Amino acid sequence: MDNVRLARSWLYLSGVILIVVGILGFFSNPLVGPDGFVATDNPHNIVHILTGLLALGLGYWMRDDVGTATMAFGALYLVVFVVTIISPNLFGIFSVPVNAIDHVIHIGLAVVSLALGYMARGNAALMAR
């Protein structure tokens, strides 16, 4: 599998998982929610759904430059990581503060997205020659 396809697949996978996690957060369960392994509330669940839709959209519509799109998604989650480190309740928007598991997920999404996006950009540049 080439790096461009890998980056696109990562966006699709991340998008689907974020949407599922966002939807799960609205229902009582031990994995996601106010008392879940991943601590969320309704605004946090909405953010997961919206960023999941963003990832799916980037993977689908960014045909020519999926590497840059994947890096942009990674940069977004890097910002989310830094901001939620500074303010775990996102400056009062979240009633349930982001926990350590959330931080690991946020930085993981950022690092993998940035790396795959970088690899896909390099692959696309070689193919253009």
Protein backbone atom coordinates (compact mmCIF):
# COMPACT_ATOMS: atom_id res chain seq x y z
CA MET A 1 0.00 0.00 0.00
CA ASP A 2 1.47 3.36 -0.97
CA ASN A 3 1.76 6.20 1.53
CA VAL A 4 -1.01 8.27 -0.03
CA ARG A 5 -3.47 5.40 0.31
CA LEU A 6 -2.21 4.74 3.84
CA ALA A 7 -2.80 8.38 4.84
CA ARG A 8 -6.30 8.32 3.32
CA SER A 9 -7.11 5.06 5.09
CA TRP A 10 -5.89 6.56 8.38
CA LEU A 11 -8.24 9.53 7.93
CA TYR A 12 -11.14 7.18 7.23
CA LEU A 13 -10.34 4.96 10.21
CA SER A 14 -9.83 7.92 12.55
CA GLY A 15 -13.04 9.52 11.32
CA VAL A 16 -15.16 6.44 11.85
CA ILE A 17 -13.70 5.80 15.32
CA LEU A 18 -14.17 9.42 16.40
CA ILE A 19 -17.79 9.38 15.23
CA VAL A 20 -18.50 6.08 17.00
CA VAL A 21 -16.85 7.32 20.20
CA GLY A 22 -18.82 10.57 19.96
CA ILE A 23 -22.12 8.72 19.58
CA LEU A 24 -21.27 6.23 22.35
CA GLY A 25 -20.63 9.13 24.70
CA PHE A 26 -24.32 10.05 24.61
CA PHE A 27 -25.27 6.66 26.07
CA SER A 28 -24.43 5.24 29.49
CA ASN A 29 -21.50 2.86 29.14
CA PRO A 30 -18.18 2.15 30.89
CA LEU A 31 -15.98 3.18 27.95
CA VAL A 32 -16.99 6.73 27.04
CA GLY A 33 -18.95 9.30 29.03
CA PRO A 34 -18.83 11.26 32.29
CA ASP A 35 -17.85 8.17 34.27
CA GLY A 36 -16.21 6.29 31.41
CA PHE A 37 -12.65 5.22 30.75
CA VAL A 38 -12.50 8.14 28.31
CA ALA A 39 -14.13 11.01 30.21
CA THR A 40 -16.50 13.02 28.02
CA ASP A 41 -19.62 15.14 28.23
CA ASN A 42 -22.05 16.27 25.52
CA PRO A 43 -19.89 19.12 24.11
CA HIS A 44 -16.86 16.78 24.03
CA ASN A 45 -18.97 14.12 22.25
CA ILE A 46 -20.02 16.70 19.67
CA VAL A 47 -16.36 17.65 19.12
CA HIS A 48 -15.54 13.96 18.50
CA ILE A 49 -18.36 13.67 15.95
CA LEU A 50 -17.39 16.91 14.17
CA THR A 51 -13.69 16.06 13.98
CA GLY A 52 -14.60 12.56 12.81
CA LEU A 53 -16.69 14.07 10.01
CA LEU A 54 -13.77 16.40 9.22
CA ALA A 55 -11.39 13.43 8.93
CA LEU A 56 -13.80 11.56 6.64
CA GLY A 57 -14.27 14.67 4.52
CA LEU A 58 -10.55 15.31 4.23
CA GLY A 59 -9.93 11.71 3.22
CA TYR A 60 -12.66 11.80 0.60
CA TRP A 61 -12.35 15.28 -0.92
CA MET A 62 -8.60 15.91 -0.74
CA ARG A 63 -7.69 13.66 -3.65
CA ASP A 64 -4.70 15.67 -4.86
CA ASP A 65 -3.09 16.53 -1.53
CA VAL A 66 -4.18 14.02 1.09
CA GLY A 67 -0.74 14.28 2.71
CA THR A 68 -1.22 17.95 3.55
CA ALA A 69 -4.79 17.25 4.68
CA THR A 70 -3.60 14.48 6.99
CA MET A 71 -0.91 16.78 8.40
CA ALA A 72 -3.54 19.50 8.95
CA PHE A 73 -5.70 17.00 10.85
CA GLY A 74 -2.64 16.08 12.94
CA ALA A 75 -1.90 19.75 13.60
CA LEU A 76 -5.50 20.23 14.75
CA TYR A 77 -5.17 17.39 17.26
CA LEU A 78 -1.78 18.72 18.37
CA VAL A 79 -3.52 22.01 19.18
CA VAL A 80 -6.30 20.09 20.98
CA PHE A 81 -3.66 18.27 23.01
CA VAL A 82 -1.84 21.46 24.02
CA VAL A 83 -5.01 23.40 24.79
CA THR A 84 -6.48 20.59 26.92
CA ILE A 85 -3.19 20.28 28.81
CA ILE A 86 -3.45 24.00 29.61
CA SER A 87 -7.18 23.80 30.41
CA PRO A 88 -8.56 20.27 30.88
CA ASN A 89 -12.13 21.58 30.86
CA LEU A 90 -11.45 23.63 27.70
CA PHE A 91 -11.89 26.96 29.47
CA GLY A 92 -15.22 25.91 30.98
CA ILE A 93 -16.78 24.40 27.84
CA PHE A 94 -16.48 20.83 29.16
CA SER A 95 -18.13 19.96 32.47
CA VAL A 96 -16.01 16.79 32.62
CA PRO A 97 -12.28 17.58 32.39
CA VAL A 98 -10.15 15.76 29.85
CA ASN A 99 -8.23 12.93 31.53
CA ALA A 100 -4.86 11.28 30.89
CA ILE A 101 -6.37 8.72 28.50
CA ASP A 102 -7.80 11.58 26.41
CA HIS A 103 -4.38 13.21 26.31
CA VAL A 104 -2.76 9.99 25.07
CA ILE A 105 -5.43 9.64 22.37
CA HIS A 106 -5.07 13.29 21.30
CA ILE A 107 -1.27 13.17 21.03
CA GLY A 108 -1.48 9.76 19.31
CA LEU A 109 -3.85 11.12 16.67
CA ALA A 110 -1.57 14.12 16.21
CA VAL A 111 1.71 12.20 15.89
CA VAL A 112 0.40 9.43 13.61
CA SER A 113 -1.46 11.91 11.40
CA LEU A 114 1.56 14.20 11.08
CA ALA A 115 3.86 11.26 10.28
CA LEU A 116 1.55 9.63 7.73
CA GLY A 117 0.79 12.99 6.14
CA TYR A 118 4.49 13.76 5.84
CA MET A 119 5.16 10.36 4.27
CA ALA A 120 2.28 10.80 1.83
CA ARG A 121 3.51 14.26 0.81
CA GLY A 122 6.96 12.85 0.13
CA ASN A 123 5.47 10.02 -1.90
CA ALA A 124 3.30 12.41 -3.91
CA ALA A 125 6.34 14.62 -4.63
CA LEU A 126 8.29 11.64 -5.95
CA MET A 127 5.38 10.56 -8.15
CA ALA A 128 5.12 14.10 -9.62
CA ARG A 129 8.70 13.96 -10.95
